[in-house]
Amino acid sequence: MKRSVKTLLVSAVLSVAMATTAFAAVGWRQGSSGWWYALTDNGDNWCRAESGKVKWYWLDGNGDGTSECYCFNDGGWLFTNCTTPDGYRVNADGKWVVNGVVQTKSAYIHTGSHALGH
């Protein structure tokens, strides 16, 4: 009985710890339909388009000082390895490419506005 209670308690603590770290920081998340990008620490705001549209975001997802441009649908899912509905090509990582070259620009300081055109 003691062992069952201890196991249950440890499981509960680990479950809570995992749930709180799942949205611990701004950045990439993997979900059931692919990848999405959290714009806030708690994950309640993410890159996405208006209904039926796509939206492009310049993101420095790995913190190297260089932003790449990514396209998201209205559900917030990243387009990968395809031509986006608005006619641009993205690679397997979802980065905008022209003739196979990833398009980049210097990362900007966060000002509260994440959506930038390409």
Protein backbone atom coordinates (compact mmCIF):
# COMPACT_ATOMS: atom_id res chain seq x y z
CA MET A 1 0.00 0.00 0.00
CA LYS A 2 2.81 2.41 0.92
CA ARG A 3 4.52 1.71 -2.38
CA SER A 4 1.31 2.40 -4.35
CA VAL A 5 0.77 5.74 -2.65
CA LYS A 6 4.40 6.71 -3.21
CA THR A 7 4.21 5.72 -6.88
CA LEU A 8 0.96 7.64 -7.31
CA LEU A 9 2.44 10.73 -5.62
CA VAL A 10 5.60 10.63 -7.77
CA SER A 11 3.46 10.21 -10.91
CA ALA A 12 1.30 13.19 -9.97
CA VAL A 13 4.33 15.41 -9.31
CA LEU A 14 5.94 14.41 -12.63
CA SER A 15 2.69 15.03 -14.51
CA VAL A 16 2.37 18.54 -13.08
CA ALA A 17 6.04 19.26 -13.78
CA MET A 18 5.72 18.13 -17.39
CA ALA A 19 2.55 20.15 -17.94
CA THR A 20 4.13 23.34 -16.63
CA THR A 21 7.34 22.94 -18.63
CA ALA A 22 5.50 22.15 -21.85
CA PHE A 23 4.84 25.86 -22.31
CA ALA A 24 7.85 27.18 -20.45
CA ALA A 25 9.20 29.49 -23.15
CA VAL A 26 8.58 31.22 -26.42
CA GLY A 27 9.55 28.96 -29.31
CA TRP A 28 8.87 25.91 -31.42
CA ARG A 29 6.38 23.23 -30.33
CA GLN A 30 5.53 19.97 -32.02
CA GLY A 31 1.91 18.90 -32.11
CA SER A 32 -0.24 16.24 -33.71
CA SER A 33 -0.37 18.08 -37.06
CA GLY A 34 3.23 19.29 -37.23
CA TRP A 35 5.04 22.31 -35.83
CA TRP A 36 3.79 25.61 -34.43
CA TYR A 37 5.50 28.58 -32.77
CA ALA A 38 4.52 29.99 -29.36
CA LEU A 39 4.80 33.77 -29.11
CA THR A 40 4.27 33.85 -25.35
CA ASP A 41 5.72 31.84 -22.48
CA ASN A 42 2.40 30.24 -21.57
CA GLY A 43 1.65 29.24 -25.17
CA ASP A 44 -1.66 31.12 -25.38
CA ASN A 45 -0.53 33.19 -28.37
CA TRP A 46 1.06 31.66 -31.43
CA CYS A 47 1.91 32.36 -35.07
CA ARG A 48 -1.20 31.93 -37.20
CA ALA A 49 -3.20 33.53 -39.99
CA GLU A 50 -6.75 34.79 -40.27
CA SER A 51 -9.35 32.23 -41.30
CA GLY A 52 -8.68 30.84 -44.78
CA LYS A 53 -5.39 32.72 -45.18
CA VAL A 54 -1.67 32.26 -44.56
CA LYS A 55 0.66 34.52 -42.60
CA TRP A 56 4.43 34.90 -42.72
CA TYR A 57 6.63 35.53 -39.68
CA TRP A 58 10.33 36.33 -39.43
CA LEU A 59 11.55 34.26 -36.49
CA ASP A 60 14.93 33.70 -34.87
CA GLY A 61 13.84 30.37 -33.45
CA ASN A 62 17.32 29.18 -32.50
CA GLY A 63 18.61 32.48 -31.08
CA ASP A 64 21.55 32.83 -33.48
CA GLY A 65 20.78 36.46 -34.38
CA THR A 66 19.44 35.56 -37.83
CA SER A 67 15.73 35.34 -38.61
CA GLU A 68 14.22 33.04 -41.18
CA CYS A 69 10.77 33.53 -42.69
CA TYR A 70 8.10 30.91 -41.96
CA CYS A 71 4.54 30.53 -43.23
CA PHE A 72 1.65 29.41 -41.00
CA ASN A 73 -1.95 28.51 -41.77
CA ASP A 74 -5.04 29.72 -39.93
CA GLY A 75 -4.72 26.85 -37.45
CA GLY A 76 -1.18 27.93 -36.58
CA TRP A 77 0.54 25.00 -38.28
CA LEU A 78 3.81 25.52 -40.14
CA PHE A 79 3.95 24.75 -43.86
CA THR A 80 6.92 22.50 -44.68
CA ASN A 81 8.49 21.12 -47.85
CA CYS A 82 5.93 22.59 -50.23
CA THR A 83 4.76 25.59 -52.19
CA THR A 84 2.57 27.66 -49.88
CA PRO A 85 -0.97 28.61 -50.96
CA ASP A 86 0.30 32.11 -51.83
CA GLY A 87 2.96 30.65 -54.16
CA TYR A 88 6.22 30.68 -52.19
CA ARG A 89 8.51 27.70 -51.61
CA VAL A 90 9.45 26.44 -48.13
CA ASN A 91 11.96 23.72 -47.31
CA ALA A 92 11.61 20.70 -44.99
CA ASP A 93 12.25 22.98 -41.99
CA GLY A 94 9.53 25.39 -43.13
CA LYS A 95 12.00 28.14 -44.07
CA TRP A 96 11.25 30.32 -47.11
CA VAL A 97 13.65 29.48 -49.94
CA VAL A 98 14.35 31.08 -53.32
CA ASN A 99 16.19 28.80 -55.76
CA GLY A 100 17.04 26.55 -52.80
CA VAL A 101 18.60 29.38 -50.73
CA VAL A 102 17.08 30.10 -47.30
CA GLN A 103 16.05 33.74 -47.04
CA THR A 104 17.36 35.43 -43.88
CA LYS A 105 17.72 38.79 -42.22
CA SER A 106 19.23 40.04 -38.99
CA ALA A 107 17.06 39.28 -35.98
CA TYR A 108 15.28 42.24 -34.46
CA ILE A 109 14.69 43.20 -30.88
CA HIS A 110 11.23 42.18 -29.66
CA THR A 111 8.89 45.16 -29.84
CA GLY A 112 5.61 43.33 -29.39
CA SER A 113 4.99 42.90 -33.11
CA HIS A 114 6.00 39.54 -34.57
CA ALA A 115 4.30 39.54 -37.94
CA LEU A 116 6.40 40.98 -40.73
CA GLY A 117 5.88 40.58 -44.44
CA HIS A 118 8.45 38.95 -46.67
